[in-house]
Amino acid sequence: MEEKEDEILTLQEAADFLRVGRNAMSKMVNNGEIPGKKVGREWRFSRQALLKWLENGQAKNKK
C-alpha cells in the first residue's frame, strides 16, 4: 500500500506514527491535545494533520 500524506490512520497507527504508546495517544486525543475525529466508537486521524500538529509545536506542556 502506497503511503500518502492524506492517509487516514487508526488510533494504533497514529500512535505508531508518533512513536507513543496507545494509552498515551488515547489520553492526548481525549484531552483535545491532538487532532482526531471519532467515527462511531473508533478514533481516526489524518496523517497530514498530525504532521502539521508536530511542525507547529502544538503539543501542550502539562506537568
N, C-alpha and C. Protein backbone atom coordinates (compact mmCIF):
# COMPACT_ATOMS: atom_id res chain seq x y z
N MET A 1 0.84 -1.18 0.00
CA MET A 1 0.00 0.00 0.00
C MET A 1 0.88 1.24 0.00
N GLU A 2 0.62 2.16 -0.88
CA GLU A 2 1.40 3.37 -1.01
C GLU A 2 0.99 4.39 0.05
N GLU A 3 2.00 4.96 0.74
CA GLU A 3 1.70 5.97 1.77
C GLU A 3 1.40 7.30 1.11
N LYS A 4 0.40 7.98 1.64
CA LYS A 4 0.02 9.31 1.15
C LYS A 4 -0.09 10.23 2.34
N GLU A 5 0.15 11.53 2.12
CA GLU A 5 0.08 12.48 3.22
C GLU A 5 -1.31 12.60 3.81
N ASP A 6 -2.35 12.35 3.01
CA ASP A 6 -3.72 12.50 3.50
C ASP A 6 -4.30 11.18 3.99
N GLU A 7 -3.44 10.20 4.20
CA GLU A 7 -3.87 8.89 4.67
C GLU A 7 -4.58 9.01 6.02
N ILE A 8 -5.63 8.22 6.20
CA ILE A 8 -6.38 8.17 7.45
C ILE A 8 -5.83 7.03 8.29
N LEU A 9 -5.54 7.32 9.56
CA LEU A 9 -4.94 6.35 10.46
C LEU A 9 -5.89 5.98 11.59
N THR A 10 -5.78 4.76 12.07
CA THR A 10 -6.49 4.34 13.28
C THR A 10 -5.71 4.85 14.49
N LEU A 11 -6.25 4.65 15.68
CA LEU A 11 -5.58 5.06 16.90
C LEU A 11 -4.21 4.39 17.02
N GLN A 12 -4.14 3.10 16.78
CA GLN A 12 -2.87 2.38 16.89
C GLN A 12 -1.87 2.84 15.84
N GLU A 13 -2.34 3.04 14.61
CA GLU A 13 -1.46 3.50 13.54
C GLU A 13 -0.92 4.90 13.84
N ALA A 14 -1.78 5.77 14.37
CA ALA A 14 -1.35 7.13 14.72
C ALA A 14 -0.35 7.09 15.87
N ALA A 15 -0.58 6.24 16.84
CA ALA A 15 0.36 6.09 17.95
C ALA A 15 1.71 5.59 17.44
N ASP A 16 1.69 4.63 16.55
CA ASP A 16 2.93 4.12 15.96
C ASP A 16 3.63 5.21 15.16
N PHE A 17 2.87 5.97 14.40
CA PHE A 17 3.42 7.06 13.59
C PHE A 17 4.12 8.10 14.46
N LEU A 18 3.52 8.43 15.61
CA LEU A 18 4.09 9.42 16.52
C LEU A 18 5.09 8.81 17.50
N ARG A 19 5.17 7.47 17.46
CA ARG A 19 6.07 6.72 18.35
C ARG A 19 5.75 6.95 19.82
N VAL A 20 4.46 6.85 20.12
CA VAL A 20 3.98 6.91 21.50
C VAL A 20 3.14 5.67 21.75
N GLY A 21 2.89 5.38 23.00
CA GLY A 21 2.05 4.24 23.34
C GLY A 21 0.59 4.51 23.02
N ARG A 22 -0.15 3.43 22.86
CA ARG A 22 -1.59 3.54 22.56
C ARG A 22 -2.33 4.29 23.67
N ASN A 23 -1.99 4.00 24.93
CA ASN A 23 -2.65 4.68 26.05
C ASN A 23 -2.35 6.17 26.06
N ALA A 24 -1.11 6.54 25.78
CA ALA A 24 -0.73 7.95 25.73
C ALA A 24 -1.48 8.66 24.61
N MET A 25 -1.59 8.00 23.46
CA MET A 25 -2.31 8.57 22.32
C MET A 25 -3.77 8.76 22.65
N SER A 26 -4.37 7.76 23.28
CA SER A 26 -5.77 7.84 23.66
C SER A 26 -6.00 8.99 24.64
N LYS A 27 -5.11 9.13 25.59
CA LYS A 27 -5.22 10.20 26.58
C LYS A 27 -5.12 11.58 25.91
N MET A 28 -4.17 11.73 25.00
CA MET A 28 -3.98 13.01 24.31
C MET A 28 -5.20 13.39 23.48
N VAL A 29 -5.76 12.43 22.77
CA VAL A 29 -6.91 12.76 21.91
C VAL A 29 -8.15 13.01 22.77
N ASN A 30 -8.33 12.28 23.85
CA ASN A 30 -9.48 12.51 24.72
C ASN A 30 -9.40 13.85 25.44
N ASN A 31 -8.17 14.34 25.66
CA ASN A 31 -7.98 15.66 26.30
C ASN A 31 -7.98 16.80 25.28
N GLY A 32 -8.16 16.48 24.00
CA GLY A 32 -8.19 17.51 22.96
C GLY A 32 -6.83 18.08 22.63
N GLU A 33 -5.78 17.37 22.98
CA GLU A 33 -4.42 17.84 22.75
C GLU A 33 -3.92 17.55 21.34
N ILE A 34 -4.58 16.67 20.66
CA ILE A 34 -4.11 16.21 19.35
C ILE A 34 -5.30 16.12 18.41
N PRO A 35 -5.13 16.45 17.12
CA PRO A 35 -6.27 16.43 16.20
C PRO A 35 -6.73 15.02 15.83
N GLY A 36 -8.01 14.78 16.00
CA GLY A 36 -8.59 13.49 15.63
C GLY A 36 -10.11 13.61 15.60
N LYS A 37 -10.75 12.66 14.97
CA LYS A 37 -12.21 12.61 14.87
C LYS A 37 -12.69 11.24 15.29
N LYS A 38 -13.76 11.22 16.04
CA LYS A 38 -14.36 9.95 16.43
C LYS A 38 -15.40 9.56 15.38
N VAL A 39 -15.24 8.36 14.85
CA VAL A 39 -16.17 7.83 13.86
C VAL A 39 -16.80 6.60 14.51
N GLY A 40 -18.03 6.76 14.94
CA GLY A 40 -18.67 5.69 15.72
C GLY A 40 -17.94 5.57 17.05
N ARG A 41 -17.39 4.39 17.31
CA ARG A 41 -16.65 4.15 18.56
C ARG A 41 -15.14 4.25 18.37
N GLU A 42 -14.70 4.50 17.15
CA GLU A 42 -13.28 4.48 16.81
C GLU A 42 -12.75 5.87 16.48
N TRP A 43 -11.50 6.13 16.86
CA TRP A 43 -10.83 7.37 16.51
C TRP A 43 -10.14 7.22 15.16
N ARG A 44 -10.14 8.30 14.38
CA ARG A 44 -9.44 8.35 13.10
C ARG A 44 -8.61 9.63 13.07
N PHE A 45 -7.46 9.54 12.41
CA PHE A 45 -6.51 10.65 12.36
C PHE A 45 -6.01 10.85 10.95
N SER A 46 -5.84 12.09 10.57
CA SER A 46 -5.24 12.43 9.29
C SER A 46 -3.73 12.51 9.49
N ARG A 47 -2.98 11.77 8.68
CA ARG A 47 -1.52 11.81 8.77
C ARG A 47 -1.04 13.26 8.56
N GLN A 48 -1.65 13.96 7.61
CA GLN A 48 -1.26 15.34 7.32
C GLN A 48 -1.54 16.25 8.52
N ALA A 49 -2.67 16.08 9.19
CA ALA A 49 -2.99 16.90 10.37
C ALA A 49 -2.01 16.62 11.51
N LEU A 50 -1.61 15.37 11.67
CA LEU A 50 -0.63 15.04 12.71
C LEU A 50 0.72 15.67 12.40
N LEU A 51 1.13 15.66 11.13
CA LEU A 51 2.39 16.30 10.74
C LEU A 51 2.34 17.80 11.00
N LYS A 52 1.22 18.44 10.65
CA LYS A 52 1.07 19.88 10.91
C LYS A 52 1.13 20.16 12.41
N TRP A 53 0.47 19.32 13.19
CA TRP A 53 0.46 19.46 14.65
C TRP A 53 1.88 19.41 15.19
N LEU A 54 2.68 18.48 14.70
CA LEU A 54 4.07 18.35 15.13
C LEU A 54 4.90 19.56 14.69
N GLU A 55 4.73 19.96 13.42
CA GLU A 55 5.51 21.07 12.87
C GLU A 55 5.21 22.38 13.57
N ASN A 56 3.98 22.57 13.99
CA ASN A 56 3.57 23.82 14.63
C ASN A 56 3.84 23.81 16.13
N GLY A 57 4.34 22.71 16.66
CA GLY A 57 4.64 22.65 18.08
C GLY A 57 3.41 22.86 18.92
N GLN A 58 2.29 22.26 18.52
CA GLN A 58 1.03 22.47 19.22
C GLN A 58 0.85 21.56 20.40
N ALA A 59 1.87 20.81 20.77
CA ALA A 59 1.76 19.95 21.94
C ALA A 59 1.69 20.81 23.20
N LYS A 60 0.79 20.48 24.07
CA LYS A 60 0.65 21.20 25.34
C LYS A 60 1.62 20.62 26.36
N ASN A 61 2.35 21.46 27.00
CA ASN A 61 3.27 21.01 28.05
C ASN A 61 2.55 21.05 29.38
N LYS A 62 2.12 19.89 29.83
CA LYS A 62 1.41 19.79 31.12
C LYS A 62 2.31 19.07 32.11
N LYS A 63 2.32 19.55 33.32
CA LYS A 63 3.11 18.89 34.38
C LYS A 63 2.29 18.75 35.63
